[in-house]
């Protein structure tokens, strides 16, 4: 088996032109991919310390409360983003009875260091006697998105 480029004698006029064009395009594409690839690699290689950011969850009785809390949380720089997830069904025990309610869920992205202030803000502005505020540390994620959270929410 012979590996390599065919000789000029074995190529006819059209095939030789196609080979030259393919080689030129390959060189151009290699340079383009190298440039784009390095930029993509540098974005993906930004370092992130696991647990620096958190996703917090808060349930609300209705959309109005959810919107008011979400807006206040973002305005006060307690989070970079709050997603409002409508129409969840919650089943829970409260004062010895099984309850079932329609609620709205807030998914909050913030710095882990802001969770205590976030919990205090929710407690002070939430109509529930015992408001849900739970958070989970973010272990991994899209580096530019995680950087954005850090840029928006100051230490």
Protein backbone atom coordinates (compact mmCIF):
# COMPACT_ATOMS: atom_id res chain seq x y z
CA UNK A 1 0.00 0.00 0.00
CA UNK A 2 1.36 3.38 -0.95
CA UNK A 3 0.60 6.35 1.28
CA UNK A 4 1.14 9.93 0.18
CA UNK A 5 0.21 12.28 -2.60
CA UNK A 6 -0.27 10.93 -6.10
CA UNK A 7 2.34 11.85 -8.66
CA UNK A 8 1.65 14.57 -11.22
CA UNK A 9 1.59 11.94 -13.99
CA UNK A 10 -1.27 10.06 -12.38
CA UNK A 11 -3.36 13.19 -12.04
CA UNK A 12 -5.24 14.65 -14.93
CA UNK A 13 -5.71 18.42 -15.28
CA UNK A 14 -8.95 18.62 -13.27
CA UNK A 15 -7.69 16.31 -10.53
CA UNK A 16 -4.49 18.29 -10.11
CA UNK A 17 -6.46 21.54 -9.76
CA UNK A 18 -8.76 19.90 -7.21
CA UNK A 19 -5.76 18.63 -5.21
CA UNK A 20 -4.11 22.07 -5.18
CA UNK A 21 -7.38 23.74 -4.19
CA UNK A 22 -7.88 21.17 -1.40
CA UNK A 23 -4.36 21.78 -0.07
CA UNK A 24 -4.83 25.56 -0.12
CA UNK A 25 -8.19 25.29 1.64
CA UNK A 26 -6.69 22.92 4.20
CA UNK A 27 -3.94 25.40 5.05
CA UNK A 28 -6.49 28.22 5.33
CA UNK A 29 -8.88 26.12 7.45
CA UNK A 30 -6.05 24.98 9.71
CA UNK A 31 -5.16 28.62 10.44
CA UNK A 32 -8.82 29.52 11.01
CA UNK A 33 -9.46 26.54 13.30
CA UNK A 34 -6.24 27.23 15.16
CA UNK A 35 -7.27 30.82 15.83
CA UNK A 36 -10.88 30.00 16.77
CA UNK A 37 -9.83 26.88 18.66
CA UNK A 38 -7.36 28.79 20.79
CA UNK A 39 -9.98 31.39 21.65
CA UNK A 40 -12.52 28.70 22.52
CA UNK A 41 -9.93 26.81 24.54
CA UNK A 42 -8.97 29.91 26.51
CA UNK A 43 -12.64 30.58 27.38
CA UNK A 44 -13.17 26.98 28.45
CA UNK A 45 -9.99 26.86 30.49
CA UNK A 46 -10.84 29.76 32.80
CA UNK A 47 -10.43 28.48 36.30
CA UNK A 48 -13.42 28.14 38.59
CA UNK A 49 -13.24 27.13 42.21
CA UNK A 50 -16.03 24.65 42.93
CA UNK A 51 -18.64 26.08 45.30
CA UNK A 52 -17.83 29.75 44.68
CA UNK A 53 -21.33 30.22 43.27
CA UNK A 54 -24.66 28.73 44.34
CA UNK A 55 -28.09 28.03 42.95
CA UNK A 56 -30.76 28.93 45.49
CA UNK A 57 -34.43 28.00 45.45
CA UNK A 58 -37.40 29.88 46.90
CA UNK A 59 -41.07 28.98 46.55
CA UNK A 60 -43.70 31.71 46.35
CA UNK A 61 -47.50 31.65 46.65
CA UNK A 62 -48.10 33.44 43.33
CA UNK A 63 -46.54 35.21 40.36
CA UNK A 64 -46.82 38.69 41.89
CA UNK A 65 -44.79 37.73 44.96
CA UNK A 66 -42.30 35.86 42.76
CA UNK A 67 -41.77 38.86 40.46
CA UNK A 68 -41.43 41.31 43.34
CA UNK A 69 -38.89 39.10 45.14
CA UNK A 70 -36.95 38.36 41.94
CA UNK A 71 -36.69 42.03 40.99
CA UNK A 72 -35.60 43.04 44.50
CA UNK A 73 -33.00 40.28 44.66
CA UNK A 74 -31.41 41.35 41.36
CA UNK A 75 -31.68 45.09 42.08
CA UNK A 76 -29.91 44.63 45.42
CA UNK A 77 -27.12 42.63 43.68
CA UNK A 78 -27.92 39.55 45.76
CA UNK A 79 -28.03 37.51 42.54
CA UNK A 80 -27.14 37.82 38.88
CA UNK A 81 -30.25 36.06 37.62
CA UNK A 82 -33.55 34.76 38.95
CA UNK A 83 -35.65 32.39 36.86
CA UNK A 84 -39.36 32.31 37.65
CA UNK A 85 -40.82 28.85 37.10
CA UNK A 86 -44.62 29.00 37.13
CA UNK A 87 -47.18 26.39 38.07
CA UNK A 88 -45.42 23.96 40.34
CA UNK A 89 -47.39 21.72 42.68
CA UNK A 90 -46.04 21.43 46.23
CA UNK A 91 -47.03 18.66 48.61
CA UNK A 92 -45.73 19.13 52.15
CA UNK A 93 -46.52 18.66 55.82
CA UNK A 94 -47.47 21.79 57.74
CA UNK A 95 -48.69 21.85 61.35
CA UNK A 96 -49.45 18.13 61.33
CA UNK A 97 -51.45 18.10 58.07
CA UNK A 98 -50.51 17.14 54.52
CA UNK A 99 -51.00 20.20 52.33
CA UNK A 100 -51.04 20.59 48.55
CA UNK A 101 -50.63 24.00 46.93
CA UNK A 102 -49.86 25.61 43.60
CA UNK A 103 -46.69 27.69 43.88
CA UNK A 104 -44.12 29.53 41.79
CA UNK A 105 -40.43 28.58 42.04
CA UNK A 106 -37.52 31.01 41.96
CA UNK A 107 -34.20 29.60 40.72
CA UNK A 108 -31.53 32.06 41.84
CA UNK A 109 -27.89 32.18 40.68
CA UNK A 110 -25.53 33.98 43.00
CA UNK A 111 -22.23 33.91 44.84
CA UNK A 112 -22.20 31.46 47.74
CA UNK A 113 -21.04 34.29 49.99
CA UNK A 114 -24.34 36.12 49.28
CA UNK A 115 -26.66 33.29 50.38
CA UNK A 116 -27.01 34.52 54.00
CA UNK A 117 -27.97 38.05 52.81
CA UNK A 118 -30.28 36.52 50.20
CA UNK A 119 -32.00 34.41 52.87
CA UNK A 120 -32.41 37.46 55.10
CA UNK A 121 -33.91 39.49 52.23
CA UNK A 122 -36.38 36.70 51.44
CA UNK A 123 -37.38 36.28 55.12
CA UNK A 124 -37.99 40.03 55.39
CA UNK A 125 -40.05 40.30 52.19
CA UNK A 126 -41.86 36.96 51.87
CA UNK A 127 -45.46 36.47 52.99
CA UNK A 128 -44.92 32.90 54.28
CA UNK A 129 -44.39 32.34 58.00
CA UNK A 130 -41.52 30.00 57.07
CA UNK A 131 -40.11 30.84 53.65
CA UNK A 132 -38.12 28.23 51.77
CA UNK A 133 -34.59 29.39 51.01
CA UNK A 134 -32.24 26.55 50.16
CA UNK A 135 -29.04 26.63 48.16
CA UNK A 136 -26.72 24.19 46.50
CA UNK A 137 -23.12 24.99 45.58
CA UNK A 138 -22.35 24.98 41.86
CA UNK A 139 -19.64 22.43 41.24
CA UNK A 140 -19.15 23.02 37.51
CA UNK A 141 -20.64 25.05 34.70
CA UNK A 142 -20.03 27.10 31.58
CA UNK A 143 -16.99 29.25 32.52
CA UNK A 144 -18.19 32.44 30.78
CA UNK A 145 -21.58 32.13 32.54
CA UNK A 146 -19.95 31.58 35.93
CA UNK A 147 -17.66 34.54 35.30
CA UNK A 148 -20.71 36.64 34.46
CA UNK A 149 -22.33 35.76 37.80
CA UNK A 150 -19.15 36.85 39.57
CA UNK A 151 -18.97 40.07 37.56
CA UNK A 152 -22.61 41.02 38.31
CA UNK A 153 -22.67 40.05 42.00
CA UNK A 154 -19.93 41.83 43.95
CA UNK A 155 -18.13 40.14 46.87
